[in-house]
C-alpha atoms as a PDB file:
ATOM      1  CA  MET A   1      81.981  24.366  30.832  1.00  0.00           C
ATOM      2  CA  THR A   2      82.525  25.700  27.328  1.00  0.00           C
ATOM      3  CA  PRO A   3      83.108  23.352  24.390  1.00  0.00           C
ATOM      4  CA  ILE A   4      86.793  24.364  24.259  1.00  0.00           C
ATOM      5  CA  GLN A   5      87.154  23.607  27.981  1.00  0.00           C
ATOM      6  CA  ALA A   6      85.477  20.229  27.447  1.00  0.00           C
ATOM      7  CA  ILE A   7      87.903  19.422  24.633  1.00  0.00           C
ATOM      8  CA  ARG A   8      90.828  20.414  26.838  1.00  0.00           C
ATOM      9  CA  ALA A   9      89.501  18.186  29.632  1.00  0.00           C
ATOM     10  CA  LYS A  10      89.133  15.264  27.203  1.00  0.00           C
ATOM     11  CA  CYS A  11      92.691  15.751  25.967  1.00  0.00           C
ATOM     12  CA  LEU A  12      93.992  15.858  29.540  1.00  0.00           C
ATOM     13  CA  ASP A  13      92.048  12.662  30.270  1.00  0.00           C
ATOM     14  CA  CYS A  14      93.508  11.008  27.175  1.00  0.00           C
ATOM     15  CA  CYS A  15      97.031  11.965  28.315  1.00  0.00           C
ATOM     16  CA  CYS A  16      96.524  10.818  31.935  1.00  0.00           C
ATOM     17  CA  GLY A  17      96.266  14.377  33.235  1.00  0.00           C
ATOM     18  CA  GLN A  18      99.699  15.412  31.962  1.00  0.00           C
ATOM     19  CA  ALA A  19      99.456  18.872  30.387  1.00  0.00           C
ATOM     20  CA  ASN A  20     102.903  18.516  28.827  1.00  0.00           C
ATOM     21  CA  GLU A  21     101.786  15.316  27.077  1.00  0.00           C
ATOM     22  CA  VAL A  22      98.757  17.146  25.656  1.00  0.00           C
ATOM     23  CA  LYS A  23     101.127  19.743  24.245  1.00  0.00           C
ATOM     24  CA  LEU A  24     103.346  17.016  22.750  1.00  0.00           C
ATOM     25  CA  CYS A  25     100.416  14.942  21.430  1.00  0.00           C
ATOM     26  CA  THR A  26     101.191  13.231  18.127  1.00  0.00           C
ATOM     27  CA  ALA A  27      97.632  12.082  17.332  1.00  0.00           C
ATOM     28  CA  ILE A  28      97.261  14.726  14.629  1.00  0.00           C
ATOM     29  CA  ARG A  29      94.405  12.830  12.953  1.00  0.00           C
ATOM     30  CA  CYS A  30      92.288  13.278  16.074  1.00  0.00           C
ATOM     31  CA  PRO A  31      89.517  15.815  15.311  1.00  0.00           C
ATOM     32  CA  LEU A  32      90.202  17.477  18.680  1.00  0.00           C
ATOM     33  CA  TRP A  33      93.942  17.900  18.055  1.00  0.00           C
ATOM     34  CA  PRO A  34      93.841  21.554  16.869  1.00  0.00           C
ATOM     35  CA  PHE A  35      91.859  22.490  20.000  1.00  0.00           C
ATOM     36  CA  ARG A  36      93.910  20.465  22.515  1.00  0.00           C
ATOM     37  CA  LEU A  37      95.586  23.466  24.113  1.00  0.00           C
ATOM     38  CA  GLY A  38      92.274  25.035  25.131  1.00  0.00           C
ATOM     39  CA  LYS A  39      92.204  27.633  22.372  1.00  0.00           C
ATOM     40  CA  ASN A  40      90.229  27.866  19.156  1.00  0.00           C
ATOM     41  CA  PRO A  41      92.833  28.076  16.366  1.00  0.00           C
ATOM     42  CA  ASN A  42      90.263  29.595  14.012  1.00  0.00           C
ATOM     43  CA  ILE A  43      89.943  32.789  16.053  1.00  0.00           C
ATOM     44  CA  ARG A  44      92.783  35.231  15.647  1.00  0.00           C
ATOM     45  CA  PRO A  45      93.371  38.157  17.980  1.00  0.00           C
ATOM     46  CA  ARG A  46      91.890  41.345  16.614  1.00  0.00           C
ATOM     47  CA  GLU A  47      94.350  43.997  15.516  1.00  0.00           C
ATOM     48  CA  TYR A  48      93.486  47.617  16.288  1.00  0.00           C
ATOM     49  CA  THR A  49      94.902  50.811  14.847  1.00  0.00           C
ATOM     50  CA  GLU A  50      96.323  53.370  17.259  1.00  0.00           C
ATOM     51  CA  GLU A  51      93.255  55.574  16.675  1.00  0.00           C
ATOM     52  CA  GLN A  52      90.940  52.695  17.633  1.00  0.00           C
ATOM     53  CA  ARG A  53      93.001  52.007  20.767  1.00  0.00           C
ATOM     54  CA  GLU A  54      92.831  55.651  21.803  1.00  0.00           C
ATOM     55  CA  ALA A  55      89.059  55.735  21.236  1.00  0.00           C
ATOM     56  CA  MET A  56      88.681  52.619  23.422  1.00  0.00           C
ATOM     57  CA  ARG A  57      90.859  54.210  26.123  1.00  0.00           C
ATOM     58  CA  GLN A  58      88.682  57.318  26.111  1.00  0.00           C
ATOM     59  CA  ARG A  59      85.443  55.284  26.300  1.00  0.00           C
ATOM     60  CA  LEU A  60      86.825  53.246  29.191  1.00  0.00           C
ATOM     61  CA  LYS A  61      88.002  56.363  31.002  1.00  0.00           C
ATOM     62  CA  LYS A  62      84.592  57.999  30.570  1.00  0.00           C
ATOM     63  CA  ALA A  63      82.800  54.852  31.764  1.00  0.00           C
ATOM     64  CA  MET A  64      85.060  54.566  34.820  1.00  0.00           C
ATOM     65  CA  GLU A  65      84.500  58.228  35.698  1.00  0.00           C
ATOM     66  CA  ALA A  66      80.735  57.761  35.383  1.00  0.00           C
ATOM     67  CA  LYS A  67      80.863  54.637  37.559  1.00  0.00           C
ATOM     68  CA  ASN A  68      82.979  56.366  40.197  1.00  0.00           C
ATOM     69  CA  GLY A  69      80.602  59.341  40.161  1.00  0.00           C
ATOM     70  CA  GLN A  70      77.595  57.072  40.675  1.00  0.00           C
ATOM     71  CA  GLN A  71      79.332  55.283  43.550  1.00  0.00           C
ATOM     72  CA  ALA A  72      80.212  58.594  45.189  1.00  0.00           C
ATOM     73  CA  ASN A  73      76.584  59.760  44.887  1.00  0.00           C
ATOM     74  CA  GLY A  74      75.320  56.457  46.259  1.00  0.00           C
ATOM     75  CA  GLN A  75      77.644  56.624  49.262  1.00  0.00           C
ATOM     76  CA  ALA A  76      76.638  60.198  50.012  1.00  0.00           C
ATOM     77  CA  ASN A  77      72.953  59.181  50.088  1.00  0.00           C
ATOM     78  CA  ASP A  78      73.561  56.284  52.521  1.00  0.00           C
END
């Protein structure tokens, strides 16, 4: 269990297992409050440029082709 998952479990326990109550929690002075939804509020999703996305697509495509080629070779040898 990760620390964020443990915090989420503690918040659910505090709210008698009611996920909606965790979401509506008013105990904002609780040190766990920002993490109650099971996410770290300090980590923002990374934003990629279109060029970076295309480069990632190409790397993934190349890796998948290599994996499929290895599987085909492995099946032919069996």
